[in-house]
Amino acid sequence: MVEIDNEVKCFMDACGFDKLRPVGVALSGGADSVALALALKAAGCNVVCLHVNFGLRGVESDADTEFCRDLALKHGFMFRQLSVDAAKERLGGESIEMACRRLRYDWFEQMACQEGLQCVAVAHHSDDNEETMMLNLLRGTGVAGLRGMQARRGIYVRPLLNVGRADIEAYLKCRGQSYRVDSSNLSNDYRRNALRNEILPLIRRYFPDADRGLLTTIAHIADVDKLLNKQTGEYLAQRLTDGKLMIDSTDDCEILVRATTVCFPPGVSHTTAADILRNVDRNNARFQLANGSELLLFERRLMRLMLQSEDFEVNFEAAEGVDEPIRIVAEVISAERFHVARRSGEVAAKGGRAAYFDADALEGRMLTLRNYRRGDSIRPFGMVGKRLVSDLLKEARMSQNERNRVAVITDEKGELLWVAGVRASGLHKVTTDTKKVLCLQLSEN
């Protein structure tokens, strides 16, 4: 059995976290998050429990909240709660699962700023990693979909990725600690539940070493993924200029998928990439992106992105040194919907995972996404004057590797509007006179 207390302590020590600064824990009340909270306490961390009640299971959801509050009180944890009707907050075409994920992570970003959290720990474990890999494999995916979850990404950490569900349950039993069971997890109506409850147990019956084999494969694919990201960066450095991508010297769909994800978030699928390569010599061919925007093939072998909604043109420069693709989704919503979200606490004005601007003030202007450069400065929301971006990154206690991955968005005058994932500018801010709001969202996946 994995010694979970030691596993978590070694993970947090390896990350170099300051034990005096608070650590957020996404606490649902389930076995995984309860074990993580207790292990972090054993590691000497200052724990802040972050609990979200989505109101999807009525009395059962409220009982989960009471359990989490009591657990926090018993162990001396700070407790923060968000109650939100996830069903009512769904965006057009958004599943309830995706709505919950969006609402949860937006609130985590807000709490990280408000409480000064150095990280937010989530309780994904090795079984979750296997399930994610298998789901992506069965749906059809590229290398990135098979690499598994990352132990650390931005402010989020997953200290239990090397721990199995059986170890977690044994850990809690040994300590006499109860936990909540989400009844929806027992239903096989959801594909992940069917995979967890029926398919993987059957595989393990005939292949006793299946878990070890799947996790070994995930580790190997993660190494391949890093190599492909490096090759994509080299490809972009030579072929991306002024927001236009020269499509040549490759017939590799995987490299093209990654290149378009960096240049034109959310990028294209492998199927669309193959279609682009087949039509690379055509003029004015059009290809759909995942968010409904159009990828236009201008002139011969040149591509650029135009957003169909509104009149925003977004150009993307090469982000040198970026190890992983940058994903930013743009959306224009009504001011009414924005203010409802802000009153419910879902909107963080300082600009963590999302930033918001007056769309009318920016209409017809070109926005540019590029990598952070030394000497960049921004007029932070709620502050007077400018601040160096490098100072903001230091205050956020980012490592040099994390700083290399930071992207910024500028207006056509070169003024920084958003240091993605860190801080938004006060320029073109949303006011009482705003009619439409431009939402820029930093995606985790």
Protein backbone atom coordinates (compact mmCIF):
# COMPACT_ATOMS: atom_id res chain seq x y z
CA MET A 1 0.00 0.00 0.00
CA VAL A 2 1.23 3.50 -0.83
CA GLU A 3 1.98 5.55 2.30
CA ILE A 4 -0.19 8.53 1.39
CA ASP A 5 1.01 10.99 4.05
CA ASN A 6 4.61 10.53 2.90
CA GLU A 7 3.62 10.64 -0.79
CA VAL A 8 1.87 13.99 -0.37
CA LYS A 9 4.62 15.46 1.82
CA CYS A 10 7.32 14.52 -0.70
CA PHE A 11 5.25 15.99 -3.53
CA MET A 12 4.69 19.32 -1.78
CA ASP A 13 8.34 19.52 -0.70
CA ALA A 14 9.49 18.82 -4.27
CA CYS A 15 7.28 21.69 -5.48
CA GLY A 16 9.00 24.03 -3.03
CA PHE A 17 5.82 25.36 -1.44
CA ASP A 18 5.97 27.59 1.64
CA LYS A 19 4.18 25.86 4.52
CA LEU A 20 3.26 29.23 6.04
CA ARG A 21 1.21 30.21 2.99
CA PRO A 22 -2.25 28.66 2.61
CA VAL A 23 -2.98 25.79 0.25
CA GLY A 24 -6.46 25.41 -1.21
CA VAL A 25 -8.07 21.96 -1.39
CA ALA A 26 -10.99 21.23 -3.70
CA LEU A 27 -13.14 19.43 -1.12
CA SER A 28 -16.26 17.61 -2.33
CA GLY A 29 -16.63 15.33 0.68
CA GLY A 30 -15.75 12.22 -1.34
CA ALA A 31 -13.02 9.81 -0.27
CA ASP A 32 -10.37 11.29 -2.57
CA SER A 33 -10.67 14.92 -1.49
CA VAL A 34 -11.05 14.03 2.19
CA ALA A 35 -7.87 11.92 2.09
CA LEU A 36 -6.02 14.74 0.31
CA ALA A 37 -7.05 17.31 2.92
CA LEU A 38 -5.92 15.06 5.80
CA ALA A 39 -2.62 14.21 4.07
CA LEU A 40 -1.89 17.88 3.45
CA LYS A 41 -2.50 18.60 7.12
CA ALA A 42 -0.10 15.76 8.02
CA ALA A 43 2.45 17.36 5.68
CA GLY A 44 2.25 20.57 7.73
CA CYS A 45 0.29 22.61 5.18
CA ASN A 46 -2.04 25.47 6.07
CA VAL A 47 -5.23 24.08 4.50
CA VAL A 48 -8.15 26.10 3.11
CA CYS A 49 -11.10 23.92 2.07
CA LEU A 50 -12.89 25.04 -1.11
CA HIS A 51 -16.34 23.48 -1.48
CA VAL A 52 -18.87 24.02 -4.26
CA ASN A 53 -22.55 23.09 -3.92
CA PHE A 54 -23.98 22.92 -7.44
CA GLY A 55 -27.52 22.24 -6.22
CA LEU A 56 -27.91 19.21 -8.49
CA ARG A 57 -28.88 16.57 -5.91
CA GLY A 58 -31.09 18.53 -3.52
CA VAL A 59 -30.86 17.34 0.08
CA GLU A 60 -27.88 15.12 -0.74
CA SER A 61 -25.88 18.11 -2.01
CA ASP A 62 -26.70 20.09 1.14
CA ALA A 63 -25.61 17.13 3.29
CA ASP A 64 -22.28 17.08 1.42
CA THR A 65 -21.81 20.74 2.30
CA GLU A 66 -22.55 20.14 5.98
CA PHE A 67 -20.13 17.21 6.04
CA CYS A 68 -17.35 19.33 4.52
CA ARG A 69 -18.00 22.20 6.91
CA ASP A 70 -17.87 19.85 9.92
CA LEU A 71 -14.67 18.21 8.63
CA ALA A 72 -13.01 21.61 8.29
CA LEU A 73 -14.10 22.64 11.79
CA LYS A 74 -12.85 19.36 13.31
CA HIS A 75 -9.39 19.66 11.78
CA GLY A 76 -8.96 23.42 12.09
CA PHE A 77 -9.18 24.14 8.36
CA MET A 78 -10.50 27.37 6.92
CA PHE A 79 -13.72 26.70 4.98
CA ARG A 80 -14.95 28.58 1.90
CA GLN A 81 -18.13 27.69 0.07
CA LEU A 82 -19.82 28.59 -3.22
CA SER A 83 -23.47 27.71 -3.78
CA VAL A 84 -24.60 27.97 -7.39
CA ASP A 85 -27.39 26.55 -9.54
CA ALA A 86 -25.27 24.92 -12.21
CA ALA A 87 -28.28 23.94 -14.32
CA LYS A 88 -29.31 27.59 -14.69
CA GLU A 89 -25.77 28.80 -15.37
CA ARG A 90 -25.12 26.58 -18.39
CA LEU A 91 -24.02 28.40 -21.51
CA GLY A 92 -25.52 27.56 -24.90
CA GLY A 93 -24.60 24.02 -25.94
CA GLU A 94 -22.71 23.38 -22.67
CA SER A 95 -23.23 20.08 -20.85
CA ILE A 96 -23.96 20.14 -17.14
CA GLU A 97 -20.57 18.51 -16.48
CA MET A 98 -18.71 21.22 -18.41
CA ALA A 99 -20.75 23.96 -16.71
CA CYS A 100 -19.81 22.59 -13.30
CA ARG A 101 -16.16 22.41 -14.28
CA ARG A 102 -16.16 25.99 -15.58
CA LEU A 103 -17.95 27.38 -12.52
CA ARG A 104 -15.72 25.45 -10.11
CA TYR A 105 -12.39 26.48 -11.63
CA ASP A 106 -13.43 30.11 -12.10
CA TRP A 107 -14.28 30.25 -8.40
CA PHE A 108 -11.01 28.55 -7.46
CA GLU A 109 -9.15 31.32 -9.31
CA GLN A 110 -11.12 33.94 -7.42
CA MET A 111 -10.38 32.28 -4.08
CA ALA A 112 -6.68 31.96 -4.94
CA CYS A 113 -6.51 35.74 -5.30
CA GLN A 114 -8.77 36.52 -2.34
CA GLU A 115 -7.13 34.13 0.13
CA GLY A 116 -3.55 34.38 -1.17
CA LEU A 117 -3.40 30.66 -1.98
CA GLN A 118 -0.08 29.46 -3.33
CA CYS A 119 -1.81 26.56 -5.06
CA VAL A 120 -5.09 24.67 -5.28
CA ALA A 121 -4.78 20.91 -4.75
CA VAL A 122 -7.24 18.64 -6.54
CA ALA A 123 -7.67 14.98 -5.65
CA HIS A 124 -7.28 13.20 -9.00
CA HIS A 125 -5.56 9.87 -8.47
CA SER A 126 -4.07 7.14 -10.65
CA ASP A 127 -7.43 5.47 -11.33
CA ASP A 128 -8.76 8.81 -12.63
CA ASN A 129 -5.70 9.07 -14.84
CA GLU A 130 -6.35 5.64 -16.35
CA GLU A 131 -10.02 6.45 -16.92
CA THR A 132 -9.21 9.73 -18.67
CA MET A 133 -6.69 8.04 -20.93
CA MET A 134 -9.13 5.23 -21.80
CA LEU A 135 -12.03 7.62 -22.47
CA ASN A 136 -9.90 9.71 -24.82
CA LEU A 137 -8.58 6.58 -26.53
CA LEU A 138 -12.09 5.27 -27.18
CA ARG A 139 -13.33 8.64 -28.43
CA GLY A 140 -10.37 8.99 -30.76
CA THR A 141 -7.58 11.38 -29.82
CA GLY A 142 -4.02 12.47 -30.49
CA VAL A 143 -0.95 12.12 -28.30
CA ALA A 144 -2.02 14.93 -25.95
CA GLY A 145 -5.22 13.07 -25.14
CA LEU A 146 -3.27 9.98 -24.05
CA ARG A 147 -0.55 11.63 -21.97
CA GLY A 148 -2.66 11.62 -18.81
CA MET A 149 -3.09 14.38 -16.28
CA GLN A 150 -0.22 16.61 -15.24
CA ALA A 151 0.89 16.70 -11.63
CA ARG A 152 1.27 20.47 -11.76
CA ARG A 153 -0.24 23.01 -14.11
CA GLY A 154 -0.42 26.69 -13.20
CA ILE A 155 -1.78 27.03 -9.66
CA TYR A 156 -3.25 23.51 -9.71
CA VAL A 157 -1.47 20.50 -8.23
CA ARG A 158 -2.40 16.82 -8.10
CA PRO A 159 -0.44 15.24 -5.22
CA LEU A 160 -2.31 11.90 -5.45
CA LEU A 161 -1.58 11.00 -9.08
CA ASN A 162 0.65 8.10 -7.97
CA VAL A 163 -1.96 6.83 -5.51
CA GLY A 164 -4.75 4.37 -6.33
CA ARG A 165 -8.36 4.48 -5.16
CA ALA A 166 -7.90 1.31 -3.10
CA ASP A 167 -4.99 2.95 -1.23
CA ILE A 168 -7.15 6.00 -0.51
CA GLU A 169 -9.99 3.93 0.94
CA ALA A 170 -7.52 1.93 3.06
CA TYR A 171 -5.95 5.18 4.30
CA LEU A 172 -9.31 6.55 5.47
CA LYS A 173 -10.36 3.24 7.03
CA CYS A 174 -7.11 3.11 9.00
CA ARG A 175 -7.90 6.57 10.42
CA GLY A 176 -11.56 5.88 11.06
CA GLN A 177 -12.51 8.75 8.77
CA SER A 178 -15.88 8.67 7.03
CA TYR A 179 -16.63 10.27 3.68
CA ARG A 180 -19.56 11.01 1.40
CA VAL A 181 -20.61 8.88 -1.57
CA ASP A 182 -22.09 10.73 -4.54
CA SER A 183 -25.04 8.59 -5.63
CA SER A 184 -24.66 9.81 -9.23
CA ASN A 185 -21.28 8.03 -9.37
CA LEU A 186 -23.07 4.71 -8.97
CA SER A 187 -25.14 5.19 -12.10
CA ASN A 188 -23.71 3.96 -15.39
CA ASP A 189 -25.63 6.55 -17.40
CA TYR A 190 -22.36 8.49 -17.71
CA ARG A 191 -19.59 6.96 -19.81
CA ARG A 192 -16.91 7.51 -17.17
CA ASN A 193 -19.02 5.75 -14.58
CA ALA A 194 -19.61 2.80 -16.92
CA LEU A 195 -15.88 2.60 -17.58
CA ARG A 196 -15.10 2.78 -13.85
CA ASN A 197 -17.83 0.47 -12.59
CA GLU A 198 -18.00 -2.17 -15.32
CA ILE A 199 -15.41 -2.06 -18.07
CA LEU A 200 -12.15 -1.55 -16.15
CA PRO A 201 -13.03 -4.15 -13.47
CA LEU A 202 -13.66 -6.64 -16.27
CA ILE A 203 -10.31 -5.79 -17.88
CA ARG A 204 -8.55 -6.23 -14.53
CA ARG A 205 -10.18 -9.63 -14.15
CA TYR A 206 -8.48 -10.94 -17.30
CA PHE A 207 -5.39 -8.69 -17.14
CA PRO A 208 -4.32 -8.46 -13.47
CA ASP A 209 -1.46 -6.08 -14.32
CA ALA A 210 -3.68 -3.74 -16.37
CA ASP A 211 -3.27 -0.78 -13.99
CA ARG A 212 0.52 -0.96 -14.08
CA GLY A 213 0.49 -1.35 -17.85
CA LEU A 214 -1.83 1.61 -18.43
CA LEU A 215 0.16 3.90 -16.13
CA THR A 216 3.44 2.87 -17.78
CA THR A 217 1.96 3.69 -21.18
CA ILE A 218 0.75 7.08 -19.92
CA ALA A 219 4.27 7.89 -18.70
CA HIS A 220 5.80 6.94 -22.06
CA ILE A 221 3.26 8.99 -24.01
CA ALA A 222 3.89 11.98 -21.74
CA ASP A 223 7.55 11.86 -22.81
CA VAL A 224 6.50 11.77 -26.48
CA ASP A 225 4.15 14.68 -25.85
CA LYS A 226 7.00 16.83 -24.50
CA LEU A 227 9.11 16.03 -27.55
CA LEU A 228 6.29 16.94 -29.94
CA ASN A 229 5.70 20.23 -28.12
CA LYS A 230 9.37 21.07 -28.54
CA GLN A 231 9.21 20.25 -32.26
CA THR A 232 6.05 22.34 -32.62
CA GLY A 233 7.78 25.32 -31.00
CA GLU A 234 10.66 25.02 -33.47
CA TYR A 235 8.18 24.72 -36.36
CA LEU A 236 6.31 27.88 -35.28
CA ALA A 237 9.47 29.89 -34.71
CA GLN A 238 10.33 29.47 -38.38
CA ARG A 239 6.87 29.70 -39.98
CA LEU A 240 4.68 32.08 -37.94
CA THR A 241 4.86 35.80 -38.79
CA ASP A 242 2.36 38.59 -38.12
CA GLY A 243 -0.36 36.12 -37.19
CA LYS A 244 0.04 34.13 -40.41
CA LEU A 245 1.19 30.53 -40.45
CA MET A 246 3.10 29.20 -43.45
CA ILE A 247 2.00 25.60 -43.99
CA ASP A 248 4.96 23.79 -45.49
CA SER A 249 7.65 21.26 -44.68
CA THR A 250 5.27 18.99 -42.84
CA ASP A 251 2.71 16.35 -43.64
CA ASP A 252 2.34 15.57 -39.95
CA CYS A 253 -1.22 16.09 -38.66
CA GLU A 254 -0.06 15.99 -35.03
CA ILE A 255 2.38 18.90 -35.49
CA LEU A 256 -0.25 20.90 -37.39
CA VAL A 257 -2.86 20.28 -34.68
CA ARG A 258 -0.46 21.56 -32.04
CA ALA A 259 0.64 24.53 -34.16
CA THR A 260 -2.94 25.68 -34.76
CA THR A 261 -3.75 25.24 -31.06
CA VAL A 262 -0.99 27.73 -30.25
CA CYS A 263 -1.78 30.08 -33.14
CA PHE A 264 -5.55 29.81 -33.37
CA PRO A 265 -7.06 28.52 -30.10
CA PRO A 266 -8.87 26.21 -29.69
CA GLY A 267 -7.11 24.80 -32.76
CA VAL A 268 -8.29 22.15 -35.19
CA SER A 269 -8.96 18.44 -34.85
CA HIS A 270 -6.79 15.76 -36.45
CA THR A 271 -9.51 15.24 -39.06
CA THR A 272 -9.51 18.93 -39.97
CA ALA A 273 -5.71 19.03 -39.98
CA ALA A 274 -5.68 16.19 -42.51
CA ASP A 275 -8.22 18.09 -44.60
CA ILE A 276 -6.04 21.22 -44.49
CA LEU A 277 -2.99 19.29 -45.66
CA ARG A 278 -4.98 17.80 -48.53
CA ASN A 279 -6.09 21.28 -49.62
CA VAL A 280 -2.93 23.21 -48.78
CA ASP A 281 -2.49 24.59 -52.30
CA ARG A 282 -6.01 25.96 -52.57
CA ASN A 283 -6.93 29.61 -52.07
CA ASN A 284 -9.68 30.81 -49.70
CA ALA A 285 -10.53 27.38 -48.28
CA ARG A 286 -12.32 27.51 -44.92
CA PHE A 287 -12.04 25.16 -41.97
CA GLN A 288 -14.07 25.15 -38.75
CA LEU A 289 -12.50 25.44 -35.32
CA ALA A 290 -13.96 23.81 -32.25
CA ASN A 291 -15.52 27.05 -30.99
CA GLY A 292 -17.33 27.82 -34.27
CA SER A 293 -14.83 30.40 -35.51
CA GLU A 294 -13.50 30.14 -39.04
CA LEU A 295 -9.95 29.24 -39.95
CA LEU A 296 -9.35 30.96 -43.28
CA LEU A 297 -6.72 29.77 -45.74
CA PHE A 298 -5.53 33.05 -47.27
CA GLU A 299 -3.36 33.16 -50.37
CA ARG A 300 -1.19 30.11 -50.86
CA ARG A 301 -0.24 28.15 -47.76
CA LEU A 302 -1.07 31.02 -45.37
CA MET A 303 -3.61 30.80 -42.54
CA ARG A 304 -5.03 33.29 -40.07
CA LEU A 305 -7.97 33.37 -37.68
CA MET A 306 -11.09 35.56 -37.82
CA LEU A 307 -13.75 35.39 -35.12
CA GLN A 308 -17.18 35.04 -36.73
CA SER A 309 -19.06 36.64 -33.84
CA GLU A 310 -18.67 40.42 -33.73
CA ASP A 311 -15.90 42.16 -35.66
CA PHE A 312 -12.89 41.13 -33.62
CA GLU A 313 -9.80 40.07 -35.44
CA VAL A 314 -7.31 38.12 -33.33
CA ASN A 315 -3.72 37.54 -34.45
CA PHE A 316 -1.36 35.17 -32.71
CA GLU A 317 2.42 35.43 -32.61
CA ALA A 318 4.84 32.59 -31.89
CA ALA A 319 5.28 32.03 -28.17
CA GLU A 320 8.94 31.03 -27.97
CA GLY A 321 9.86 28.80 -25.07
CA VAL A 322 6.30 27.64 -24.51
CA ASP A 323 6.35 23.96 -23.56
CA GLU A 324 2.60 23.49 -23.75
CA PRO A 325 -0.11 24.90 -26.04
CA ILE A 326 -1.85 28.08 -24.87
CA ARG A 327 -5.63 27.89 -25.09
CA ILE A 328 -7.71 31.07 -24.83
CA VAL A 329 -11.40 31.14 -25.78
CA ALA A 330 -13.09 34.44 -26.74
CA GLU A 331 -16.83 35.00 -26.31
CA VAL A 332 -19.11 38.05 -26.42
CA ILE A 333 -22.05 38.03 -23.96
CA SER A 334 -24.70 40.52 -22.90
CA ALA A 335 -23.98 42.87 -20.02
CA GLU A 336 -27.04 41.48 -18.23
CA ARG A 337 -25.63 37.95 -18.21
CA PHE A 338 -22.25 39.25 -17.07
CA HIS A 339 -23.72 41.16 -14.11
CA VAL A 340 -25.73 38.12 -13.01
CA ALA A 341 -22.51 36.10 -12.99
CA ARG A 342 -20.68 38.82 -11.07
CA ARG A 343 -23.37 39.03 -8.37
CA SER A 344 -23.14 35.29 -7.85
CA GLY A 345 -19.39 35.55 -7.32
CA GLU A 346 -18.38 33.75 -10.51
CA VAL A 347 -16.53 36.73 -12.01
CA ALA A 348 -13.09 37.59 -10.64
CA ALA A 349 -12.30 41.18 -11.65
CA LYS A 350 -8.55 40.88 -11.14
CA GLY A 351 -8.19 38.51 -14.08
CA GLY A 352 -7.24 34.97 -13.14
CA ARG A 353 -8.57 32.32 -15.49
CA ALA A 354 -10.80 34.87 -17.23
CA ALA A 355 -10.80 38.58 -18.09
CA TYR A 356 -13.70 40.83 -19.12
CA PHE A 357 -13.78 43.98 -21.24
CA ASP A 358 -16.26 46.39 -22.83
CA ALA A 359 -16.82 44.79 -26.24
CA ASP A 360 -18.14 48.00 -27.82
CA ALA A 361 -14.98 49.86 -26.80
CA LEU A 362 -12.91 47.25 -28.62
CA GLU A 363 -15.18 46.71 -31.62
CA GLY A 364 -13.29 46.77 -34.90
CA ARG A 365 -9.93 46.73 -33.13
CA MET A 366 -7.32 44.02 -33.50
CA LEU A 367 -6.22 42.07 -30.42
CA THR A 368 -2.94 40.20 -30.35
CA LEU A 369 -1.91 37.21 -28.23
CA ARG A 370 1.81 36.79 -27.72
CA ASN A 371 4.29 35.52 -25.20
CA TYR A 372 5.34 37.71 -22.26
CA ARG A 373 8.44 39.83 -22.93
CA ARG A 374 10.89 41.33 -20.49
CA GLY A 375 9.93 44.97 -19.85
CA ASP A 376 6.18 44.48 -20.44
CA SER A 377 3.97 46.60 -18.20
CA ILE A 378 0.24 46.75 -17.53
CA ARG A 379 -2.26 49.10 -15.88
CA PRO A 380 -3.78 46.60 -13.40
CA PHE A 381 -7.50 46.64 -12.75
CA GLY A 382 -8.25 48.57 -9.54
CA MET A 383 -4.81 50.21 -9.34
CA VAL A 384 -3.35 53.56 -10.35
CA GLY A 385 -0.45 53.67 -12.80
CA LYS A 386 1.48 50.83 -14.42
CA ARG A 387 3.19 47.76 -13.01
CA LEU A 388 5.90 45.65 -14.57
CA VAL A 389 4.56 42.25 -15.51
CA SER A 390 7.75 40.72 -14.12
CA ASP A 391 6.84 42.12 -10.67
CA LEU A 392 3.36 40.60 -10.87
CA LEU A 393 4.85 37.23 -11.77
CA LYS A 394 7.25 37.44 -8.84
CA GLU A 395 4.38 38.27 -6.48
CA ALA A 396 2.53 35.24 -7.86
CA ARG A 397 5.64 33.20 -6.90
CA MET A 398 5.96 31.75 -10.37
CA SER A 399 9.00 29.68 -11.27
CA GLN A 400 11.08 30.65 -14.30
CA ASN A 401 9.57 27.76 -16.24
CA GLU A 402 6.05 29.02 -15.43
CA ARG A 403 7.00 32.57 -16.47
CA ASN A 404 8.21 31.28 -19.82
CA ARG A 405 4.68 29.99 -20.48
CA VAL A 406 2.88 33.24 -19.60
CA ALA A 407 0.98 34.85 -22.48
CA VAL A 408 -0.37 38.39 -22.77
CA ILE A 409 -3.09 39.99 -24.88
CA THR A 410 -2.58 43.49 -26.27
CA ASP A 411 -4.77 45.95 -28.13
CA GLU A 412 -3.82 47.48 -31.47
CA LYS A 413 -1.79 50.18 -29.69
CA GLY A 414 0.29 47.56 -27.92
CA GLU A 415 -1.27 48.22 -24.49
CA LEU A 416 -1.51 45.07 -22.39
CA LEU A 417 -5.10 44.09 -21.64
CA TRP A 418 -4.47 40.82 -19.84
CA VAL A 419 -1.61 38.81 -18.42
CA ALA A 420 -3.38 35.50 -18.98
CA GLY A 421 -4.03 33.68 -15.73
CA VAL A 422 -2.51 36.47 -13.62
CA ARG A 423 -3.97 40.00 -13.92
CA ALA A 424 -6.32 42.01 -16.14
CA SER A 425 -5.92 45.64 -17.12
CA GLY A 426 -8.29 48.44 -16.14
CA LEU A 427 -8.38 49.58 -19.78
CA HIS A 428 -11.71 49.11 -21.58
CA LYS A 429 -13.23 47.85 -18.33
CA VAL A 430 -16.88 46.90 -17.96
CA THR A 431 -19.01 49.80 -16.63
CA THR A 432 -22.71 50.48 -16.02
CA ASP A 433 -22.92 51.77 -19.59
CA THR A 434 -21.50 48.57 -21.10
CA LYS A 435 -23.90 46.74 -23.43
CA LYS A 436 -21.74 43.80 -24.51
CA VAL A 437 -18.87 42.09 -22.66
CA LEU A 438 -15.87 40.43 -24.28
CA CYS A 439 -14.94 37.39 -22.18
CA LEU A 440 -11.46 35.90 -22.57
CA GLN A 441 -11.12 32.50 -20.91
CA LEU A 442 -7.91 30.61 -20.20
CA SER A 443 -8.68 26.92 -20.73
CA GLU A 444 -7.00 24.17 -18.66
CA ASN A 445 -7.39 21.50 -21.31
